[in-house]
Amino acid sequence: MADIDLLTHELPIVEQLVREAGALVFPSAQARELPVEALRERVAKALAALKAEGGGSSMTIERVWLLDEPPSVDAGEITDKGYINQRAVLARRAAQVEALYADAHGVVRAAAIGAGARS
C-alpha cells in the first residue's frame, strides 16, 4: 500500500485508486492434460476460493490468462537458476497481458464460476 500512499501524497487530487490483480499462468503438465474448459473451470473455482478467504483486493487475483506454451529458455523467460524472468515474460507476452486487462475472450475470472469460466 506504500505505492498508493505515495501517489495520493504526490497527487492530492487522487482520492482512491482501484486496482485489480491479474496473472499470466503457465499450466503444469498435469493441468495441460485436462480439457480446456475443465481447466478453466478449475482455475475459476480456485480464484473464487481465494477471494472467499478475504484479505482485500490487493491480496486477490481477479483474472487469469492461461498461457498455451511453457516459458522459453531461448527467449530468456527462465533464469540460469531456473526461476521465471518476469520482465522477459511480460515483454515477450505483451499481447496476452493486454488481453488480460482488456477482459478479452480467454480471460478466466472468479466471477465467471456461476456461469462457467469465460473461454
N, C-alpha and C. Protein backbone atom coordinates (compact mmCIF):
# COMPACT_ATOMS: atom_id res chain seq x y z
N MET A 1 0.80 -1.20 0.00
CA MET A 1 0.00 0.00 0.00
C MET A 1 0.85 1.26 0.00
N ALA A 2 2.14 1.11 0.20
CA ALA A 2 3.00 2.28 0.23
C ALA A 2 2.96 3.03 -1.09
N ASP A 3 2.83 2.30 -2.21
CA ASP A 3 2.78 2.98 -3.50
C ASP A 3 1.53 3.84 -3.63
N ILE A 4 0.42 3.39 -3.07
CA ILE A 4 -0.81 4.18 -3.10
C ILE A 4 -0.66 5.40 -2.21
N ASP A 5 -0.08 5.22 -1.03
CA ASP A 5 0.14 6.35 -0.13
C ASP A 5 1.02 7.40 -0.79
N LEU A 6 2.07 6.96 -1.46
CA LEU A 6 2.97 7.88 -2.14
C LEU A 6 2.23 8.62 -3.25
N LEU A 7 1.44 7.91 -4.03
CA LEU A 7 0.70 8.53 -5.12
C LEU A 7 -0.29 9.55 -4.59
N THR A 8 -1.04 9.21 -3.56
CA THR A 8 -2.02 10.16 -3.04
C THR A 8 -1.34 11.35 -2.37
N HIS A 9 -0.12 11.13 -1.86
CA HIS A 9 0.62 12.25 -1.28
C HIS A 9 1.12 13.18 -2.39
N GLU A 10 1.67 12.60 -3.45
CA GLU A 10 2.20 13.39 -4.55
C GLU A 10 1.11 14.03 -5.41
N LEU A 11 -0.03 13.35 -5.50
CA LEU A 11 -1.16 13.85 -6.28
C LEU A 11 -2.37 13.96 -5.36
N PRO A 12 -2.48 15.03 -4.60
CA PRO A 12 -3.57 15.11 -3.63
C PRO A 12 -4.96 15.10 -4.28
N ILE A 13 -5.03 15.20 -5.61
CA ILE A 13 -6.33 15.13 -6.26
C ILE A 13 -6.84 13.69 -6.34
N VAL A 14 -5.96 12.71 -6.07
CA VAL A 14 -6.37 11.31 -6.10
C VAL A 14 -6.96 10.97 -4.74
N GLU A 15 -8.24 10.58 -4.76
CA GLU A 15 -8.89 10.20 -3.50
C GLU A 15 -8.70 8.71 -3.23
N GLN A 16 -8.93 7.90 -4.25
CA GLN A 16 -8.78 6.46 -4.11
C GLN A 16 -8.36 5.87 -5.43
N LEU A 17 -7.66 4.76 -5.34
CA LEU A 17 -7.30 4.00 -6.54
C LEU A 17 -7.96 2.64 -6.45
N VAL A 18 -8.40 2.15 -7.58
CA VAL A 18 -8.95 0.81 -7.63
C VAL A 18 -8.01 -0.02 -8.49
N ARG A 19 -7.48 -1.08 -7.89
CA ARG A 19 -6.56 -1.95 -8.62
C ARG A 19 -7.13 -3.35 -8.61
N GLU A 20 -6.89 -4.03 -9.69
CA GLU A 20 -7.35 -5.40 -9.79
C GLU A 20 -6.20 -6.23 -10.32
N ALA A 21 -5.79 -7.21 -9.54
CA ALA A 21 -4.63 -8.02 -9.92
C ALA A 21 -5.01 -9.10 -10.91
N GLY A 22 -4.10 -9.34 -11.83
CA GLY A 22 -4.27 -10.41 -12.80
C GLY A 22 -2.99 -11.21 -12.87
N ALA A 23 -3.05 -12.37 -13.51
CA ALA A 23 -1.86 -13.22 -13.59
C ALA A 23 -1.82 -13.96 -14.91
N LEU A 24 -0.62 -14.06 -15.45
CA LEU A 24 -0.36 -14.98 -16.55
C LEU A 24 0.02 -16.30 -15.89
N VAL A 25 -0.57 -17.39 -16.34
CA VAL A 25 -0.33 -18.68 -15.70
C VAL A 25 0.22 -19.68 -16.71
N PHE A 26 1.33 -20.30 -16.34
CA PHE A 26 1.88 -21.42 -17.10
C PHE A 26 1.29 -22.69 -16.49
N PRO A 27 0.31 -23.31 -17.14
CA PRO A 27 -0.27 -24.53 -16.56
C PRO A 27 0.78 -25.63 -16.44
N SER A 28 0.65 -26.44 -15.40
CA SER A 28 1.55 -27.58 -15.21
C SER A 28 1.28 -28.63 -16.29
N ALA A 29 2.17 -29.60 -16.41
CA ALA A 29 1.98 -30.69 -17.37
C ALA A 29 0.68 -31.42 -17.08
N GLN A 30 0.39 -31.64 -15.81
CA GLN A 30 -0.85 -32.32 -15.41
C GLN A 30 -2.07 -31.49 -15.80
N ALA A 31 -2.01 -30.18 -15.61
CA ALA A 31 -3.13 -29.32 -15.96
C ALA A 31 -3.35 -29.28 -17.47
N ARG A 32 -2.27 -29.33 -18.25
CA ARG A 32 -2.39 -29.30 -19.71
C ARG A 32 -3.06 -30.56 -20.26
N GLU A 33 -3.12 -31.63 -19.46
CA GLU A 33 -3.80 -32.85 -19.89
C GLU A 33 -5.31 -32.73 -19.80
N LEU A 34 -5.81 -31.77 -19.02
CA LEU A 34 -7.25 -31.58 -18.87
C LEU A 34 -7.85 -30.94 -20.12
N PRO A 35 -9.13 -31.21 -20.39
CA PRO A 35 -9.81 -30.45 -21.45
C PRO A 35 -9.79 -28.97 -21.07
N VAL A 36 -9.69 -28.10 -22.06
CA VAL A 36 -9.55 -26.66 -21.82
C VAL A 36 -10.65 -26.13 -20.90
N GLU A 37 -11.90 -26.49 -21.17
CA GLU A 37 -13.00 -25.97 -20.34
C GLU A 37 -12.91 -26.47 -18.90
N ALA A 38 -12.47 -27.70 -18.70
CA ALA A 38 -12.31 -28.23 -17.35
C ALA A 38 -11.21 -27.48 -16.61
N LEU A 39 -10.12 -27.17 -17.31
CA LEU A 39 -9.03 -26.40 -16.70
C LEU A 39 -9.51 -25.00 -16.33
N ARG A 40 -10.22 -24.35 -17.24
CA ARG A 40 -10.74 -23.01 -16.96
C ARG A 40 -11.68 -23.02 -15.75
N GLU A 41 -12.53 -24.02 -15.67
CA GLU A 41 -13.47 -24.12 -14.54
C GLU A 41 -12.72 -24.33 -13.23
N ARG A 42 -11.69 -25.16 -13.24
CA ARG A 42 -10.91 -25.38 -12.01
C ARG A 42 -10.19 -24.12 -11.57
N VAL A 43 -9.65 -23.38 -12.54
CA VAL A 43 -8.98 -22.12 -12.21
C VAL A 43 -10.00 -21.12 -11.66
N ALA A 44 -11.18 -21.03 -12.27
CA ALA A 44 -12.22 -20.12 -11.80
C ALA A 44 -12.64 -20.46 -10.37
N LYS A 45 -12.77 -21.75 -10.08
CA LYS A 45 -13.13 -22.17 -8.72
C LYS A 45 -12.02 -21.83 -7.73
N ALA A 46 -10.77 -22.01 -8.14
CA ALA A 46 -9.64 -21.67 -7.26
C ALA A 46 -9.60 -20.17 -6.99
N LEU A 47 -9.85 -19.36 -8.01
CA LEU A 47 -9.89 -17.91 -7.82
C LEU A 47 -11.02 -17.51 -6.88
N ALA A 48 -12.18 -18.14 -7.04
CA ALA A 48 -13.31 -17.86 -6.16
C ALA A 48 -13.00 -18.25 -4.71
N ALA A 49 -12.33 -19.38 -4.54
CA ALA A 49 -11.96 -19.82 -3.19
C ALA A 49 -10.98 -18.85 -2.54
N LEU A 50 -10.00 -18.39 -3.30
CA LEU A 50 -9.04 -17.42 -2.77
C LEU A 50 -9.74 -16.11 -2.41
N LYS A 51 -10.67 -15.70 -3.25
CA LYS A 51 -11.41 -14.47 -3.00
C LYS A 51 -12.25 -14.60 -1.73
N ALA A 52 -12.84 -15.77 -1.53
CA ALA A 52 -13.69 -16.01 -0.36
C ALA A 52 -12.89 -15.99 0.94
N GLU A 53 -11.58 -16.29 0.87
CA GLU A 53 -10.74 -16.26 2.06
C GLU A 53 -10.53 -14.85 2.58
N GLY A 54 -10.81 -13.87 1.74
CA GLY A 54 -10.67 -12.48 2.16
C GLY A 54 -9.25 -11.98 1.98
N GLY A 55 -8.95 -10.89 2.64
CA GLY A 55 -7.62 -10.31 2.53
C GLY A 55 -7.59 -9.07 1.68
N GLY A 56 -8.72 -8.72 1.09
CA GLY A 56 -8.78 -7.49 0.31
C GLY A 56 -8.33 -7.68 -1.11
N SER A 57 -8.63 -6.69 -1.93
CA SER A 57 -8.34 -6.79 -3.36
C SER A 57 -6.85 -6.86 -3.67
N SER A 58 -6.02 -6.30 -2.80
CA SER A 58 -4.58 -6.35 -3.05
C SER A 58 -4.01 -7.75 -2.83
N MET A 59 -4.78 -8.62 -2.20
CA MET A 59 -4.33 -9.98 -1.91
C MET A 59 -5.03 -11.02 -2.79
N THR A 60 -5.84 -10.58 -3.75
CA THR A 60 -6.65 -11.48 -4.54
C THR A 60 -6.38 -11.30 -6.03
N ILE A 61 -6.22 -12.40 -6.73
CA ILE A 61 -6.10 -12.36 -8.18
C ILE A 61 -7.51 -12.44 -8.74
N GLU A 62 -7.86 -11.47 -9.57
CA GLU A 62 -9.21 -11.40 -10.11
C GLU A 62 -9.35 -12.02 -11.49
N ARG A 63 -8.27 -12.09 -12.21
CA ARG A 63 -8.33 -12.58 -13.59
C ARG A 63 -7.05 -13.32 -13.93
N VAL A 64 -7.19 -14.33 -14.79
CA VAL A 64 -6.05 -15.16 -15.18
C VAL A 64 -6.08 -15.37 -16.68
N TRP A 65 -4.90 -15.37 -17.28
CA TRP A 65 -4.74 -15.76 -18.68
C TRP A 65 -3.89 -17.02 -18.66
N LEU A 66 -4.46 -18.11 -19.17
CA LEU A 66 -3.74 -19.38 -19.23
C LEU A 66 -2.88 -19.39 -20.50
N LEU A 67 -1.59 -19.48 -20.32
CA LEU A 67 -0.67 -19.45 -21.45
C LEU A 67 -0.62 -20.82 -22.14
N ASP A 68 -0.51 -20.79 -23.46
CA ASP A 68 -0.54 -22.02 -24.26
C ASP A 68 0.79 -22.75 -24.28
N GLU A 69 1.86 -22.03 -24.08
CA GLU A 69 3.18 -22.66 -24.16
C GLU A 69 3.97 -22.39 -22.90
N PRO A 70 4.84 -23.32 -22.52
CA PRO A 70 5.65 -23.12 -21.31
C PRO A 70 6.68 -21.99 -21.51
N PRO A 71 7.26 -21.53 -20.41
CA PRO A 71 8.28 -20.48 -20.54
C PRO A 71 9.45 -20.96 -21.38
N SER A 72 10.02 -20.04 -22.15
CA SER A 72 11.09 -20.38 -23.09
C SER A 72 12.46 -20.01 -22.53
N VAL A 73 13.33 -20.99 -22.47
CA VAL A 73 14.71 -20.74 -22.08
C VAL A 73 15.38 -19.87 -23.14
N ASP A 74 15.14 -20.20 -24.41
CA ASP A 74 15.76 -19.47 -25.52
C ASP A 74 15.37 -18.00 -25.55
N ALA A 75 14.14 -17.69 -25.10
CA ALA A 75 13.66 -16.30 -25.09
C ALA A 75 14.04 -15.58 -23.79
N GLY A 76 14.77 -16.27 -22.91
CA GLY A 76 15.22 -15.66 -21.66
C GLY A 76 14.14 -15.60 -20.59
N GLU A 77 13.07 -16.39 -20.74
CA GLU A 77 11.98 -16.36 -19.75
C GLU A 77 12.31 -17.16 -18.50
N ILE A 78 13.37 -17.94 -18.55
CA ILE A 78 13.82 -18.71 -17.39
C ILE A 78 15.27 -18.32 -17.11
N THR A 79 15.56 -18.00 -15.86
CA THR A 79 16.91 -17.59 -15.48
C THR A 79 17.82 -18.81 -15.39
N ASP A 80 19.10 -18.57 -15.24
CA ASP A 80 20.07 -19.65 -15.09
C ASP A 80 19.78 -20.53 -13.88
N LYS A 81 19.15 -19.95 -12.87
CA LYS A 81 18.82 -20.69 -11.65
C LYS A 81 17.46 -21.38 -11.73
N GLY A 82 16.78 -21.23 -12.88
CA GLY A 82 15.50 -21.92 -13.07
C GLY A 82 14.27 -21.12 -12.64
N TYR A 83 14.45 -19.86 -12.33
CA TYR A 83 13.33 -19.02 -11.95
C TYR A 83 12.73 -18.34 -13.18
N ILE A 84 11.48 -17.90 -13.05
CA ILE A 84 10.84 -17.16 -14.13
C ILE A 84 11.39 -15.74 -14.16
N ASN A 85 11.80 -15.30 -15.34
CA ASN A 85 12.26 -13.92 -15.55
C ASN A 85 11.00 -13.13 -15.92
N GLN A 86 10.39 -12.48 -14.92
CA GLN A 86 9.11 -11.81 -15.13
C GLN A 86 9.20 -10.73 -16.20
N ARG A 87 10.28 -9.98 -16.21
CA ARG A 87 10.43 -8.92 -17.20
C ARG A 87 10.41 -9.49 -18.62
N ALA A 88 11.12 -10.59 -18.83
CA ALA A 88 11.16 -11.22 -20.16
C ALA A 88 9.79 -11.79 -20.54
N VAL A 89 9.12 -12.42 -19.59
CA VAL A 89 7.80 -12.98 -19.86
C VAL A 89 6.83 -11.86 -20.23
N LEU A 90 6.82 -10.79 -19.45
CA LEU A 90 5.91 -9.68 -19.73
C LEU A 90 6.19 -9.02 -21.07
N ALA A 91 7.47 -8.91 -21.42
CA ALA A 91 7.83 -8.30 -22.71
C ALA A 91 7.44 -9.22 -23.87
N ARG A 92 7.77 -10.50 -23.75
CA ARG A 92 7.50 -11.44 -24.84
C ARG A 92 6.01 -11.70 -25.01
N ARG A 93 5.27 -11.59 -23.94
CA ARG A 93 3.84 -11.92 -23.97
C ARG A 93 2.98 -10.68 -23.73
N ALA A 94 3.44 -9.57 -24.24
CA ALA A 94 2.72 -8.30 -24.06
C ALA A 94 1.30 -8.35 -24.59
N ALA A 95 1.07 -9.06 -25.67
CA ALA A 95 -0.29 -9.17 -26.23
C ALA A 95 -1.22 -9.88 -25.26
N GLN A 96 -0.71 -10.90 -24.56
CA GLN A 96 -1.54 -11.61 -23.58
C GLN A 96 -1.82 -10.74 -22.36
N VAL A 97 -0.83 -9.94 -21.95
CA VAL A 97 -1.04 -9.01 -20.83
C VAL A 97 -2.12 -8.01 -21.20
N GLU A 98 -2.03 -7.47 -22.40
CA GLU A 98 -3.04 -6.51 -22.87
C GLU A 98 -4.42 -7.17 -22.90
N ALA A 99 -4.51 -8.38 -23.41
CA ALA A 99 -5.78 -9.10 -23.46
C ALA A 99 -6.31 -9.38 -22.06
N LEU A 100 -5.41 -9.69 -21.14
CA LEU A 100 -5.80 -9.97 -19.75
C LEU A 100 -6.55 -8.78 -19.15
N TYR A 101 -6.01 -7.59 -19.33
CA TYR A 101 -6.61 -6.41 -18.73
C TYR A 101 -7.69 -5.77 -19.60
N ALA A 102 -7.82 -6.23 -20.84
CA ALA A 102 -8.92 -5.77 -21.69
C ALA A 102 -10.13 -6.67 -21.51
N ASP A 103 -9.98 -7.68 -20.65
CA ASP A 103 -11.04 -8.65 -20.38
C ASP A 103 -11.45 -9.36 -21.68
N ALA A 104 -10.45 -9.67 -22.49
CA ALA A 104 -10.68 -10.28 -23.79
C ALA A 104 -11.16 -11.72 -23.66
N HIS A 105 -11.62 -12.24 -24.76
CA HIS A 105 -12.02 -13.65 -24.86
C HIS A 105 -10.83 -14.51 -24.42
N GLY A 106 -11.04 -15.39 -23.46
CA GLY A 106 -9.96 -16.23 -22.97
C GLY A 106 -9.57 -15.95 -21.53
N VAL A 107 -10.01 -14.81 -20.99
CA VAL A 107 -9.70 -14.48 -19.60
C VAL A 107 -10.58 -15.31 -18.68
N VAL A 108 -9.97 -15.88 -17.64
CA VAL A 108 -10.71 -16.63 -16.63
C VAL A 108 -10.85 -15.74 -15.41
N ARG A 109 -12.07 -15.60 -14.92
CA ARG A 109 -12.36 -14.76 -13.75
C ARG A 109 -13.10 -15.57 -12.70
N ALA A 110 -12.89 -15.23 -11.46
CA ALA A 110 -13.59 -15.89 -10.37
C ALA A 110 -15.10 -15.68 -10.50
N ALA A 111 -15.51 -14.51 -10.92
CA ALA A 111 -16.93 -14.19 -11.03
C ALA A 111 -17.63 -15.07 -12.07
N ALA A 112 -16.87 -15.68 -12.96
CA ALA A 112 -17.46 -16.50 -14.01
C ALA A 112 -17.83 -17.89 -13.52
N ILE A 113 -17.53 -18.20 -12.29
CA ILE A 113 -17.74 -19.56 -11.80
C ILE A 113 -19.19 -19.99 -11.86
N GLY A 114 -20.12 -19.11 -11.58
CA GLY A 114 -21.54 -19.49 -11.59
C GLY A 114 -22.03 -19.87 -12.96
N ALA A 115 -21.54 -19.22 -13.99
CA ALA A 115 -21.99 -19.47 -15.35
C ALA A 115 -20.97 -20.26 -16.14
N GLY A 116 -19.92 -20.74 -15.47
CA GLY A 116 -18.82 -21.39 -16.19
C GLY A 116 -17.80 -20.36 -16.54
N ALA A 117 -16.55 -20.74 -16.58
CA ALA A 117 -15.47 -19.79 -16.85
C ALA A 117 -15.57 -19.29 -18.26
N ARG A 118 -15.15 -18.03 -18.46
CA ARG A 118 -15.13 -17.47 -19.81
C ARG A 118 -14.13 -18.23 -20.64
N SER A 119 -14.42 -18.37 -21.88
CA SER A 119 -13.46 -19.06 -22.76
C SER A 119 -13.09 -18.19 -23.91
